[in-house]
Amino acid sequence: QVQLVESGGGLVQAGDSLRLSCEASGLTFTYYAMGWFRQAPGKEREFVAAVNWRGSITYYGESVKGRFTISRDISRDNSKRTVYLQMNSLKPEDTAIYFCATEIAATMAASPPRRQNEYGYWGQGTQVTVSS
């Protein structure tokens, strides 16, 4: 059973930092790109960041460039893979539910996908609230 479990969300003040984690299990995630998306109240889900399967190439949404960093690591037996989202200099407009996801198939592409329909497995989300 494929599972993605996010953690690390919370309530912070503008300018603070948070680190989100997403633990993925149930597939050989070694070869899957992974990404973060977010959805604010009344808005569509938007792309935040993505990392390729090697961890060597990352992409970011325009609104988070320079403030957020995505990274990933793997358990020794390849059974679990964790992706992180380090969020610095948080702003009230970063308030949203943050979702992690893995690409729909292990394409082993050099560049990670940025469109939602290229992701097949999703976590349940973690709430991030930034007060002004």
Foldseek 3Di string as FASTA:
>chain_A
DWAKAKDWADEEAAQAKIKMKIKIFDDLLLLWKKFKWWDDPPGDIAGAKIAGSVQPDMDGDPVQPPFKDKGKDADPVSGMIMIMIIGGRDDQVVWTWMKMFIFPDRPSDPYHDGDPVRTDDMHPTDTHGYHD
